[in-house]
N, C-alpha and C. Protein backbone atom coordinates (compact mmCIF):
# COMPACT_ATOMS: atom_id res chain seq x y z
N MET A 1 0.83 -1.21 0.00
CA MET A 1 0.00 0.00 0.00
C MET A 1 0.86 1.25 0.00
N TRP A 2 1.92 1.25 0.84
CA TRP A 2 2.78 2.43 0.93
C TRP A 2 3.45 2.71 -0.41
N ASN A 3 4.01 1.67 -1.05
CA ASN A 3 4.66 1.89 -2.33
C ASN A 3 3.67 2.35 -3.38
N GLY A 4 2.46 1.83 -3.30
CA GLY A 4 1.44 2.24 -4.25
C GLY A 4 1.08 3.70 -4.08
N MET A 5 0.99 4.13 -2.83
CA MET A 5 0.68 5.54 -2.60
C MET A 5 1.83 6.42 -3.06
N ARG A 6 3.06 6.00 -2.80
CA ARG A 6 4.23 6.75 -3.24
C ARG A 6 4.19 6.97 -4.75
N ARG A 7 3.88 5.88 -5.48
CA ARG A 7 3.84 5.99 -6.94
C ARG A 7 2.74 6.93 -7.37
N ALA A 8 1.60 6.86 -6.70
CA ALA A 8 0.49 7.74 -7.05
C ALA A 8 0.84 9.19 -6.78
N ILE A 9 1.44 9.43 -5.61
CA ILE A 9 1.83 10.78 -5.25
C ILE A 9 2.84 11.32 -6.25
N ALA A 10 3.78 10.49 -6.63
CA ALA A 10 4.81 10.92 -7.56
C ALA A 10 4.21 11.31 -8.90
N GLY A 11 3.03 10.76 -9.22
CA GLY A 11 2.42 11.05 -10.50
C GLY A 11 1.60 12.32 -10.53
N LEU A 12 1.36 12.94 -9.39
CA LEU A 12 0.52 14.13 -9.39
C LEU A 12 1.18 15.28 -10.14
N ALA A 13 0.37 16.03 -10.87
CA ALA A 13 0.92 17.10 -11.69
C ALA A 13 1.18 18.36 -10.87
N LEU A 14 2.25 19.06 -11.22
CA LEU A 14 2.65 20.35 -10.66
C LEU A 14 2.24 20.63 -9.25
N GLY A 15 3.13 20.42 -8.37
CA GLY A 15 3.02 20.95 -7.05
C GLY A 15 1.89 20.49 -6.24
N ALA A 16 1.46 19.41 -6.36
CA ALA A 16 0.45 18.98 -5.45
C ALA A 16 1.18 18.88 -4.20
N VAL A 17 1.93 18.58 -3.58
CA VAL A 17 2.47 18.86 -2.32
C VAL A 17 3.76 19.57 -2.38
N ALA A 18 4.32 20.14 -1.46
CA ALA A 18 5.61 20.74 -1.45
C ALA A 18 6.48 20.09 -0.42
N VAL A 19 6.72 18.67 -0.33
CA VAL A 19 7.83 18.16 0.45
C VAL A 19 8.98 18.53 -0.27
N THR A 20 9.93 19.00 -0.47
CA THR A 20 10.77 18.84 -1.64
C THR A 20 11.46 17.67 -1.28
N THR A 21 9.76 16.87 -2.32
CA THR A 21 10.48 15.66 -2.27
C THR A 21 11.71 15.89 -2.32
N SER A 22 11.13 19.24 -1.56
CA SER A 22 11.71 20.45 -1.27
C SER A 22 10.67 20.95 -0.45
N GLY A 23 10.53 20.33 0.24
CA GLY A 23 9.52 20.48 1.06
C GLY A 23 8.49 19.57 0.79
N CYS A 24 8.34 18.39 1.30
CA CYS A 24 7.38 17.32 1.09
C CYS A 24 6.22 17.82 0.42
N ALA A 25 5.69 18.57 -0.17
CA ALA A 25 4.55 18.69 -0.97
C ALA A 25 4.87 19.36 -2.20
N THR A 26 5.57 19.74 -3.06
CA THR A 26 5.20 19.74 -4.44
C THR A 26 4.76 18.40 -4.66
N MET A 27 3.22 17.58 -4.53
CA MET A 27 3.29 16.16 -4.74
C MET A 27 4.06 16.03 -5.97
N GLY A 28 4.33 17.01 -6.79
CA GLY A 28 5.43 16.98 -7.69
C GLY A 28 6.64 16.87 -6.88
N GLY A 29 6.60 17.25 -5.63
CA GLY A 29 7.71 17.13 -4.74
C GLY A 29 7.71 15.91 -3.87
N LEU A 30 6.66 15.17 -3.76
CA LEU A 30 6.68 14.01 -2.86
C LEU A 30 7.31 12.78 -3.48
N LYS A 31 8.11 12.90 -4.47
CA LYS A 31 8.68 11.71 -5.11
C LYS A 31 9.60 10.97 -4.16
N GLN A 32 10.46 11.67 -3.47
CA GLN A 32 11.37 11.00 -2.56
C GLN A 32 11.31 11.63 -1.19
N ALA A 33 10.32 12.40 -0.94
CA ALA A 33 10.09 12.98 0.36
C ALA A 33 11.25 13.69 0.96
N LYS A 34 11.51 14.89 0.53
CA LYS A 34 12.42 15.80 1.22
C LYS A 34 11.58 16.97 1.68
N LEU A 35 12.10 17.72 2.60
CA LEU A 35 11.35 18.85 3.12
C LEU A 35 11.81 20.16 2.50
N ASP A 36 10.89 21.11 2.42
CA ASP A 36 11.26 22.45 1.99
C ASP A 36 12.26 23.02 2.96
N ARG A 37 13.25 23.68 2.43
CA ARG A 37 14.20 24.35 3.29
C ARG A 37 13.80 25.80 3.47
N ALA A 38 14.22 26.36 4.60
CA ALA A 38 14.03 27.79 4.79
C ALA A 38 14.85 28.50 3.73
N GLY A 39 14.48 29.72 3.40
CA GLY A 39 15.20 30.46 2.37
C GLY A 39 16.68 30.59 2.69
N GLU A 40 17.47 30.76 1.66
CA GLU A 40 18.91 30.87 1.86
C GLU A 40 19.26 32.04 2.76
N ASP A 41 18.38 33.05 2.82
CA ASP A 41 18.65 34.22 3.64
C ASP A 41 17.93 34.14 4.99
N ALA A 42 17.47 32.94 5.37
CA ALA A 42 16.76 32.78 6.63
C ALA A 42 17.62 33.26 7.78
N GLN A 43 17.04 34.09 8.62
CA GLN A 43 17.78 34.64 9.73
C GLN A 43 16.86 34.80 10.93
N SER A 44 17.50 34.96 12.08
CA SER A 44 16.76 35.26 13.29
C SER A 44 16.48 36.75 13.35
N ASP A 45 15.36 37.10 14.00
CA ASP A 45 15.04 38.50 14.21
C ASP A 45 15.86 39.10 15.35
N SER A 46 16.59 38.26 16.06
CA SER A 46 17.36 38.71 17.20
C SER A 46 18.51 39.61 16.75
N PRO A 47 18.80 40.66 17.52
CA PRO A 47 19.96 41.50 17.19
C PRO A 47 21.27 40.76 17.38
N ASP A 48 21.24 39.64 18.07
CA ASP A 48 22.42 38.81 18.27
C ASP A 48 22.74 38.09 16.97
N ALA A 49 23.92 38.32 16.43
CA ALA A 49 24.29 37.73 15.14
C ALA A 49 24.70 36.27 15.25
N ARG A 50 24.91 35.78 16.46
CA ARG A 50 25.45 34.43 16.61
C ARG A 50 24.59 33.33 16.01
N PRO A 51 23.26 33.34 16.21
CA PRO A 51 22.49 32.23 15.62
C PRO A 51 22.57 32.21 14.10
N ASN A 52 22.60 33.39 13.48
CA ASN A 52 22.71 33.44 12.02
C ASN A 52 24.06 32.90 11.56
N THR A 53 25.11 33.25 12.30
CA THR A 53 26.44 32.76 11.95
C THR A 53 26.52 31.25 12.13
N MET A 54 25.98 30.76 13.24
CA MET A 54 26.00 29.32 13.51
C MET A 54 25.20 28.56 12.46
N TYR A 55 24.07 29.12 12.08
CA TYR A 55 23.23 28.45 11.09
C TYR A 55 23.92 28.42 9.73
N GLY A 56 24.58 29.50 9.38
CA GLY A 56 25.33 29.52 8.13
C GLY A 56 26.40 28.45 8.09
N MET A 57 27.07 28.25 9.23
CA MET A 57 28.09 27.21 9.30
C MET A 57 27.48 25.81 9.17
N CYS A 58 26.29 25.64 9.76
CA CYS A 58 25.60 24.35 9.64
C CYS A 58 25.26 24.03 8.19
N ARG A 59 24.86 25.03 7.47
CA ARG A 59 24.53 24.82 6.05
C ARG A 59 25.77 24.49 5.24
N ILE A 60 26.87 25.12 5.59
CA ILE A 60 28.12 24.81 4.90
C ILE A 60 28.50 23.36 5.15
N LEU A 61 28.38 22.93 6.40
CA LEU A 61 28.69 21.54 6.74
C LEU A 61 27.81 20.57 5.96
N ARG A 62 26.54 20.87 5.84
CA ARG A 62 25.64 20.00 5.09
C ARG A 62 26.01 19.96 3.62
N ALA A 63 26.35 21.13 3.08
CA ALA A 63 26.74 21.19 1.68
C ALA A 63 28.01 20.39 1.42
N GLN A 64 28.84 20.26 2.43
CA GLN A 64 30.08 19.49 2.32
C GLN A 64 29.86 18.01 2.60
N GLY A 65 28.62 17.63 2.89
CA GLY A 65 28.32 16.24 3.17
C GLY A 65 28.63 15.82 4.60
N LYS A 66 28.91 16.78 5.45
CA LYS A 66 29.23 16.48 6.85
C LYS A 66 27.94 16.58 7.68
N THR A 67 27.02 15.68 7.37
CA THR A 67 25.68 15.75 7.94
C THR A 67 25.67 15.57 9.46
N GLU A 68 26.46 14.64 9.95
CA GLU A 68 26.46 14.39 11.39
C GLU A 68 26.97 15.60 12.17
N GLN A 69 28.03 16.24 11.64
CA GLN A 69 28.53 17.45 12.29
C GLN A 69 27.49 18.55 12.24
N ALA A 70 26.83 18.68 11.10
CA ALA A 70 25.80 19.70 10.96
C ALA A 70 24.66 19.45 11.94
N GLU A 71 24.27 18.20 12.08
CA GLU A 71 23.17 17.85 12.98
C GLU A 71 23.51 18.22 14.42
N LEU A 72 24.71 17.88 14.86
CA LEU A 72 25.12 18.22 16.22
C LEU A 72 25.14 19.73 16.42
N SER A 73 25.60 20.44 15.41
CA SER A 73 25.65 21.90 15.50
C SER A 73 24.25 22.50 15.55
N LEU A 74 23.33 21.92 14.79
CA LEU A 74 21.95 22.41 14.79
C LEU A 74 21.29 22.16 16.15
N ILE A 75 21.56 21.00 16.73
CA ILE A 75 21.00 20.70 18.05
C ILE A 75 21.54 21.70 19.07
N GLY A 76 22.83 22.00 18.97
CA GLY A 76 23.40 23.00 19.86
C GLY A 76 22.81 24.38 19.63
N LEU A 77 22.52 24.67 18.37
CA LEU A 77 21.95 25.97 18.02
C LEU A 77 20.58 26.17 18.66
N ILE A 78 19.70 25.17 18.55
CA ILE A 78 18.37 25.36 19.13
C ILE A 78 18.38 25.24 20.65
N ARG A 79 19.42 24.59 21.18
CA ARG A 79 19.54 24.56 22.64
C ARG A 79 19.87 25.96 23.16
N GLU A 80 20.74 26.67 22.42
CA GLU A 80 21.16 28.01 22.84
C GLU A 80 20.17 29.07 22.39
N PHE A 81 19.59 28.86 21.21
CA PHE A 81 18.65 29.84 20.65
C PHE A 81 17.37 29.11 20.22
N PRO A 82 16.53 28.74 21.16
CA PRO A 82 15.35 27.90 20.85
C PRO A 82 14.33 28.56 19.94
N ASP A 83 14.41 29.87 19.76
CA ASP A 83 13.46 30.55 18.89
C ASP A 83 13.92 30.61 17.44
N PHE A 84 15.05 30.05 17.13
CA PHE A 84 15.58 30.10 15.76
C PHE A 84 14.93 29.00 14.92
N SER A 85 13.82 29.32 14.29
CA SER A 85 12.98 28.31 13.64
C SER A 85 13.62 27.59 12.45
N PRO A 86 14.46 28.23 11.62
CA PRO A 86 15.01 27.48 10.47
C PRO A 86 15.77 26.22 10.87
N ALA A 87 16.37 26.23 12.06
CA ALA A 87 17.15 25.06 12.48
C ALA A 87 16.27 23.83 12.66
N TYR A 88 15.03 24.03 13.10
CA TYR A 88 14.12 22.90 13.29
C TYR A 88 13.82 22.24 11.95
N ASN A 89 13.68 23.06 10.91
CA ASN A 89 13.43 22.52 9.58
C ASN A 89 14.58 21.66 9.11
N ASP A 90 15.81 22.15 9.31
CA ASP A 90 16.97 21.39 8.86
C ASP A 90 17.08 20.06 9.60
N LEU A 91 16.83 20.09 10.90
CA LEU A 91 16.88 18.85 11.67
C LEU A 91 15.80 17.87 11.21
N ALA A 92 14.63 18.39 10.92
CA ALA A 92 13.56 17.51 10.43
C ALA A 92 13.94 16.92 9.08
N GLU A 93 14.55 17.72 8.23
CA GLU A 93 14.96 17.23 6.92
C GLU A 93 15.99 16.12 7.05
N ILE A 94 16.95 16.32 7.93
CA ILE A 94 17.98 15.29 8.14
C ILE A 94 17.35 13.99 8.63
N ARG A 95 16.43 14.09 9.56
CA ARG A 95 15.79 12.88 10.10
C ARG A 95 14.94 12.19 9.02
N LEU A 96 14.25 12.97 8.20
CA LEU A 96 13.43 12.37 7.16
C LEU A 96 14.30 11.67 6.12
N GLU A 97 15.45 12.26 5.82
CA GLU A 97 16.37 11.63 4.87
C GLU A 97 16.81 10.26 5.38
N ARG A 98 16.81 10.08 6.69
CA ARG A 98 17.20 8.80 7.28
C ARG A 98 16.01 7.87 7.49
N GLY A 99 14.84 8.31 7.04
CA GLY A 99 13.66 7.48 7.19
C GLY A 99 13.02 7.56 8.55
N ARG A 100 13.39 8.54 9.36
CA ARG A 100 12.86 8.67 10.72
C ARG A 100 11.73 9.70 10.74
N LEU A 101 10.61 9.30 10.21
CA LEU A 101 9.49 10.22 10.03
C LEU A 101 8.99 10.79 11.36
N ASP A 102 8.83 9.94 12.36
CA ASP A 102 8.32 10.42 13.64
C ASP A 102 9.24 11.46 14.27
N GLU A 103 10.55 11.25 14.12
CA GLU A 103 11.50 12.22 14.67
C GLU A 103 11.45 13.53 13.89
N ALA A 104 11.26 13.43 12.58
CA ALA A 104 11.11 14.64 11.77
C ALA A 104 9.89 15.43 12.22
N VAL A 105 8.79 14.72 12.45
CA VAL A 105 7.55 15.37 12.90
C VAL A 105 7.77 16.06 14.24
N LYS A 106 8.49 15.41 15.13
CA LYS A 106 8.74 16.01 16.45
C LYS A 106 9.50 17.33 16.32
N TYR A 107 10.51 17.38 15.48
CA TYR A 107 11.25 18.63 15.30
C TYR A 107 10.37 19.71 14.69
N LEU A 108 9.53 19.33 13.75
CA LEU A 108 8.63 20.32 13.14
C LEU A 108 7.63 20.84 14.16
N GLU A 109 7.10 19.95 14.98
CA GLU A 109 6.16 20.38 16.01
C GLU A 109 6.84 21.30 17.02
N ASP A 110 8.09 20.99 17.37
CA ASP A 110 8.82 21.85 18.29
C ASP A 110 9.05 23.23 17.66
N GLY A 111 9.35 23.24 16.37
CA GLY A 111 9.55 24.51 15.68
C GLY A 111 8.28 25.32 15.61
N ILE A 112 7.16 24.66 15.32
CA ILE A 112 5.88 25.36 15.24
C ILE A 112 5.49 25.92 16.60
N ALA A 113 5.89 25.25 17.66
CA ALA A 113 5.58 25.74 19.01
C ALA A 113 6.23 27.09 19.27
N VAL A 114 7.40 27.32 18.69
CA VAL A 114 8.08 28.61 18.90
C VAL A 114 7.82 29.59 17.77
N ALA A 115 7.40 29.07 16.60
CA ALA A 115 7.16 29.94 15.45
C ALA A 115 5.94 29.46 14.68
N PRO A 116 4.74 29.62 15.24
CA PRO A 116 3.53 29.07 14.61
C PRO A 116 3.19 29.69 13.26
N THR A 117 3.75 30.86 12.97
CA THR A 117 3.44 31.50 11.68
C THR A 117 4.55 31.29 10.65
N ASP A 118 5.44 30.36 10.90
CA ASP A 118 6.48 30.03 9.92
C ASP A 118 5.85 29.13 8.86
N PRO A 119 5.66 29.62 7.63
CA PRO A 119 4.95 28.82 6.63
C PRO A 119 5.71 27.58 6.18
N VAL A 120 7.04 27.65 6.21
CA VAL A 120 7.82 26.48 5.79
C VAL A 120 7.65 25.35 6.80
N LEU A 121 7.70 25.67 8.08
CA LEU A 121 7.46 24.66 9.10
C LEU A 121 6.06 24.06 8.95
N GLN A 122 5.07 24.91 8.75
CA GLN A 122 3.69 24.43 8.63
C GLN A 122 3.54 23.55 7.40
N ASN A 123 4.12 23.97 6.29
CA ASN A 123 4.00 23.18 5.06
C ASN A 123 4.66 21.82 5.22
N ASN A 124 5.85 21.82 5.79
CA ASN A 124 6.56 20.55 5.94
C ASN A 124 5.86 19.63 6.93
N ALA A 125 5.27 20.21 7.97
CA ALA A 125 4.47 19.39 8.89
C ALA A 125 3.29 18.78 8.15
N GLY A 126 2.72 19.53 7.21
CA GLY A 126 1.63 18.99 6.41
C GLY A 126 2.07 17.85 5.52
N VAL A 127 3.25 17.99 4.95
CA VAL A 127 3.78 16.92 4.10
C VAL A 127 3.99 15.65 4.92
N CYS A 128 4.56 15.82 6.11
CA CYS A 128 4.80 14.65 6.96
C CYS A 128 3.47 14.01 7.38
N ALA A 129 2.45 14.84 7.61
CA ALA A 129 1.13 14.29 7.94
C ALA A 129 0.59 13.49 6.76
N LEU A 130 0.84 13.95 5.54
CA LEU A 130 0.43 13.18 4.37
C LEU A 130 1.13 11.82 4.35
N LEU A 131 2.42 11.84 4.66
CA LEU A 131 3.17 10.59 4.65
C LEU A 131 2.63 9.61 5.69
N LYS A 132 2.00 10.13 6.74
CA LYS A 132 1.41 9.29 7.78
C LYS A 132 -0.08 9.03 7.49
N HIS A 133 -0.57 9.50 6.34
CA HIS A 133 -1.96 9.33 5.93
C HIS A 133 -2.93 10.03 6.87
N ASP A 134 -2.47 11.05 7.56
CA ASP A 134 -3.34 11.83 8.45
C ASP A 134 -3.77 13.08 7.68
N TYR A 135 -4.75 12.91 6.81
CA TYR A 135 -5.13 13.96 5.88
C TYR A 135 -5.77 15.17 6.55
N PRO A 136 -6.60 15.01 7.59
CA PRO A 136 -7.14 16.20 8.27
C PRO A 136 -6.03 17.07 8.86
N LYS A 137 -5.04 16.43 9.45
CA LYS A 137 -3.93 17.19 10.04
C LYS A 137 -3.11 17.86 8.94
N ALA A 138 -2.91 17.15 7.85
CA ALA A 138 -2.16 17.72 6.73
C ALA A 138 -2.86 18.97 6.22
N LEU A 139 -4.18 18.89 6.07
CA LEU A 139 -4.94 20.03 5.57
C LEU A 139 -4.80 21.23 6.50
N ALA A 140 -4.88 21.00 7.80
CA ALA A 140 -4.76 22.10 8.76
C ALA A 140 -3.41 22.78 8.64
N HIS A 141 -2.34 22.00 8.49
CA HIS A 141 -1.01 22.59 8.35
C HIS A 141 -0.87 23.36 7.04
N PHE A 142 -1.38 22.78 5.95
CA PHE A 142 -1.27 23.46 4.67
C PHE A 142 -2.08 24.77 4.66
N GLN A 143 -3.24 24.75 5.28
CA GLN A 143 -4.04 25.97 5.37
C GLN A 143 -3.32 27.03 6.19
N ALA A 144 -2.64 26.61 7.25
CA ALA A 144 -1.89 27.56 8.06
C ALA A 144 -0.75 28.17 7.25
N ALA A 145 -0.07 27.35 6.45
CA ALA A 145 1.02 27.87 5.62
C ALA A 145 0.49 28.85 4.58
N ALA A 146 -0.62 28.48 3.93
CA ALA A 146 -1.19 29.33 2.89
C ALA A 146 -1.73 30.64 3.46
N ALA A 147 -2.21 30.61 4.68
CA ALA A 147 -2.73 31.84 5.30
C ALA A 147 -1.61 32.85 5.54
N VAL A 148 -0.43 32.34 5.88
CA VAL A 148 0.71 33.22 6.15
C VAL A 148 1.36 33.68 4.85
N ALA A 149 1.40 32.81 3.85
CA ALA A 149 2.07 33.11 2.59
C ALA A 149 1.13 32.84 1.42
N PRO A 150 0.09 33.67 1.26
CA PRO A 150 -0.91 33.42 0.21
C PRO A 150 -0.36 33.55 -1.21
N TYR A 151 0.82 34.13 -1.34
CA TYR A 151 1.46 34.27 -2.65
C TYR A 151 2.15 32.99 -3.10
N GLU A 152 2.32 32.05 -2.20
CA GLU A 152 3.06 30.82 -2.51
C GLU A 152 2.13 29.78 -3.11
N GLN A 153 2.30 29.54 -4.40
CA GLN A 153 1.40 28.65 -5.12
C GLN A 153 1.48 27.21 -4.61
N ARG A 154 2.64 26.78 -4.18
CA ARG A 154 2.76 25.40 -3.70
C ARG A 154 1.86 25.16 -2.51
N TYR A 155 1.77 26.14 -1.62
CA TYR A 155 0.94 25.94 -0.44
C TYR A 155 -0.54 25.84 -0.84
N LYS A 156 -0.94 26.65 -1.81
CA LYS A 156 -2.32 26.56 -2.29
C LYS A 156 -2.57 25.20 -2.94
N ALA A 157 -1.60 24.73 -3.71
CA ALA A 157 -1.75 23.42 -4.34
C ALA A 157 -1.85 22.32 -3.30
N ASN A 158 -1.10 22.47 -2.22
CA ASN A 158 -1.15 21.47 -1.17
C ASN A 158 -2.49 21.48 -0.43
N VAL A 159 -3.07 22.68 -0.27
CA VAL A 159 -4.41 22.76 0.32
C VAL A 159 -5.41 22.02 -0.57
N ALA A 160 -5.29 22.23 -1.88
CA ALA A 160 -6.18 21.54 -2.81
C ALA A 160 -6.00 20.03 -2.72
N LEU A 161 -4.77 19.60 -2.68
CA LEU A 161 -4.48 18.17 -2.59
C LEU A 161 -5.07 17.57 -1.32
N ALA A 162 -4.78 18.20 -0.19
CA ALA A 162 -5.25 17.66 1.08
C ALA A 162 -6.78 17.69 1.18
N THR A 163 -7.38 18.72 0.59
CA THR A 163 -8.84 18.78 0.57
C THR A 163 -9.39 17.57 -0.18
N GLY A 164 -8.78 17.27 -1.32
CA GLY A 164 -9.21 16.10 -2.08
C GLY A 164 -9.01 14.82 -1.32
N LEU A 165 -7.86 14.68 -0.67
CA LEU A 165 -7.57 13.45 0.06
C LEU A 165 -8.43 13.29 1.30
N ASN A 166 -9.04 14.37 1.75
CA ASN A 166 -9.96 14.29 2.88
C ASN A 166 -11.36 13.85 2.44
N GLY A 167 -11.45 13.39 1.20
CA GLY A 167 -12.70 12.82 0.74
C GLY A 167 -13.55 13.75 -0.11
N ASP A 168 -12.99 14.89 -0.51
CA ASP A 168 -13.76 15.85 -1.31
C ASP A 168 -12.93 16.28 -2.53
N PRO A 169 -12.67 15.34 -3.45
CA PRO A 169 -11.83 15.66 -4.60
C PRO A 169 -12.39 16.76 -5.49
N ASP A 170 -13.70 16.90 -5.55
CA ASP A 170 -14.27 17.95 -6.40
C ASP A 170 -13.99 19.34 -5.83
N SER A 171 -14.07 19.48 -4.51
CA SER A 171 -13.70 20.76 -3.90
C SER A 171 -12.21 21.01 -4.06
N GLY A 172 -11.43 19.94 -3.97
CA GLY A 172 -10.00 20.08 -4.19
C GLY A 172 -9.72 20.57 -5.59
N LYS A 173 -10.46 20.03 -6.55
CA LYS A 173 -10.29 20.45 -7.94
C LYS A 173 -10.58 21.94 -8.10
N ALA A 174 -11.63 22.41 -7.44
CA ALA A 174 -11.96 23.84 -7.52
C ALA A 174 -10.85 24.71 -6.94
N LEU A 175 -10.19 24.21 -5.89
CA LEU A 175 -9.11 24.97 -5.26
C LEU A 175 -7.86 25.00 -6.12
N TYR A 176 -7.73 24.06 -7.04
CA TYR A 176 -6.59 24.08 -7.96
C TYR A 176 -6.69 25.22 -8.98
N LYS A 177 -7.90 25.76 -9.17
CA LYS A 177 -8.12 26.78 -10.19
C LYS A 177 -7.21 27.98 -9.95
N GLY A 178 -6.49 28.37 -10.97
CA GLY A 178 -5.59 29.49 -10.87
C GLY A 178 -4.24 29.13 -10.29
N VAL A 179 -4.10 27.88 -9.85
CA VAL A 179 -2.84 27.43 -9.24
C VAL A 179 -2.08 26.54 -10.22
N VAL A 180 -2.79 25.64 -10.85
CA VAL A 180 -2.21 24.78 -11.89
C VAL A 180 -3.11 24.88 -13.12
N SER A 181 -2.65 24.35 -14.23
CA SER A 181 -3.45 24.37 -15.44
C SER A 181 -4.70 23.52 -15.27
N ASP A 182 -5.71 23.77 -16.10
CA ASP A 182 -6.93 22.96 -16.03
C ASP A 182 -6.62 21.48 -16.27
N GLU A 183 -5.69 21.23 -17.18
CA GLU A 183 -5.32 19.84 -17.48
C GLU A 183 -4.68 19.19 -16.26
N ALA A 184 -3.80 19.92 -15.58
CA ALA A 184 -3.15 19.37 -14.39
C ALA A 184 -4.16 19.15 -13.27
N ALA A 185 -5.09 20.09 -13.12
CA ALA A 185 -6.11 19.96 -12.08
C ALA A 185 -6.97 18.72 -12.33
N GLU A 186 -7.32 18.49 -13.58
CA GLU A 186 -8.13 17.31 -13.93
C GLU A 186 -7.35 16.03 -13.64
N PHE A 187 -6.08 16.03 -14.03
CA PHE A 187 -5.23 14.85 -13.82
C PHE A 187 -5.09 14.56 -12.32
N ASN A 188 -4.78 15.61 -11.54
CA ASN A 188 -4.61 15.42 -10.11
C ASN A 188 -5.89 14.91 -9.46
N THR A 189 -7.02 15.48 -9.87
CA THR A 189 -8.30 15.09 -9.26
C THR A 189 -8.61 13.63 -9.52
N GLU A 190 -8.40 13.19 -10.75
CA GLU A 190 -8.67 11.79 -11.07
C GLU A 190 -7.72 10.87 -10.31
N LEU A 191 -6.47 11.29 -10.16
CA LEU A 191 -5.52 10.47 -9.43
C LEU A 191 -5.87 10.40 -7.95
N ILE A 192 -6.30 11.54 -7.38
CA ILE A 192 -6.72 11.56 -5.98
C ILE A 192 -7.88 10.59 -5.77
N LYS A 193 -8.83 10.59 -6.69
CA LYS A 193 -9.97 9.68 -6.57
C LYS A 193 -9.51 8.22 -6.57
N LYS A 194 -8.51 7.92 -7.40
CA LYS A 194 -7.99 6.56 -7.43
C LYS A 194 -7.26 6.23 -6.13
N MET A 195 -6.56 7.23 -5.57
CA MET A 195 -5.86 7.01 -4.31
C MET A 195 -6.83 6.78 -3.17
N LEU A 196 -7.97 7.46 -3.20
CA LEU A 196 -8.94 7.34 -2.12
C LEU A 196 -9.62 5.97 -2.12
N ALA A 197 -9.88 5.45 -3.30
CA ALA A 197 -10.68 4.23 -3.42
C ALA A 197 -10.17 3.07 -2.56
N PRO A 198 -8.86 2.71 -2.64
CA PRO A 198 -8.41 1.55 -1.84
C PRO A 198 -8.05 1.90 -0.41
N GLN A 199 -8.16 3.19 -0.02
CA GLN A 199 -7.69 3.58 1.30
C GLN A 199 -8.81 4.10 2.19
N GLU A 200 -10.03 3.95 1.78
CA GLU A 200 -11.15 4.53 2.52
C GLU A 200 -11.21 4.02 3.95
N ASN A 201 -10.77 2.79 4.16
CA ASN A 201 -10.87 2.20 5.49
C ASN A 201 -9.55 2.15 6.24
N ILE A 202 -8.56 2.92 5.73
CA ILE A 202 -7.25 2.93 6.38
C ILE A 202 -7.19 4.08 7.37
N ALA A 203 -6.92 3.78 8.64
CA ALA A 203 -6.83 4.82 9.67
C ALA A 203 -5.47 5.50 9.58
N PRO A 204 -5.37 6.76 10.06
CA PRO A 204 -4.07 7.43 10.08
C PRO A 204 -3.07 6.64 10.90
N ALA A 205 -1.80 6.71 10.49
CA ALA A 205 -0.73 6.03 11.24
C ALA A 205 -0.51 6.73 12.56
N ASP A 206 -0.07 6.00 13.54
CA ASP A 206 0.24 6.58 14.85
C ASP A 206 1.50 7.41 14.74
C-alpha cells in the first residue's frame, strides 16, 4: 500500500504537495520525500548575530556532506537559541532523509511551538502528515502555511491536494483553479480519486 501511494503521489501534476520531495509537498515534490528548506537568507530577528552565523556554518557543513557534524551543531543551536525556527526545519529534513518520520515530525512540532506563523514549518508538517496518511492534520497545516504566505502557489496546491484526500476531490479540484493548469487539475483530481478508493478504510498512522 505504501509503495502504491508513493507511486500515485509521484504522479501528481505540478506541485500537489511541497515536500521537496523540497519540502514534502510539491506532490510533484513528494517523489522521494524531502522537506522544503528555509530560504537561503533565513535569519533570526534577534539582534544577536550568533544564531545566524551558527546556522550559516551548519549549512556549509551539510553542503560538504558532513551531515552528522551539521546535525550536532543544529542541536546545539536550538539549545542556545530555541526561537531560531530554520534550524528545526533542517533537523527535520535530516531525520526524514534517514527514514525517521516520527522524529522529523517532532522537530517540526517543536519549531511550530516557537514559530507558529512560519509557513515552511507548517508546510513541511503537512507533508509529513500526508506521509502518515493523516489527511485532516495535513490540511490544517497546509491551510496555516497558505494563510501566512498566500502568494506561494505550492501551499495553495497542497491545500487543494489535502482537501481532495480528505474525501472531497471535487472541492479540491476547484481549489486548484488558478494554481495549476486545467489539465493538471483534472489529472490530479482523477488520481486523488484513485488514491482514495483503496484507502477509505485505512486509519491514520500513529
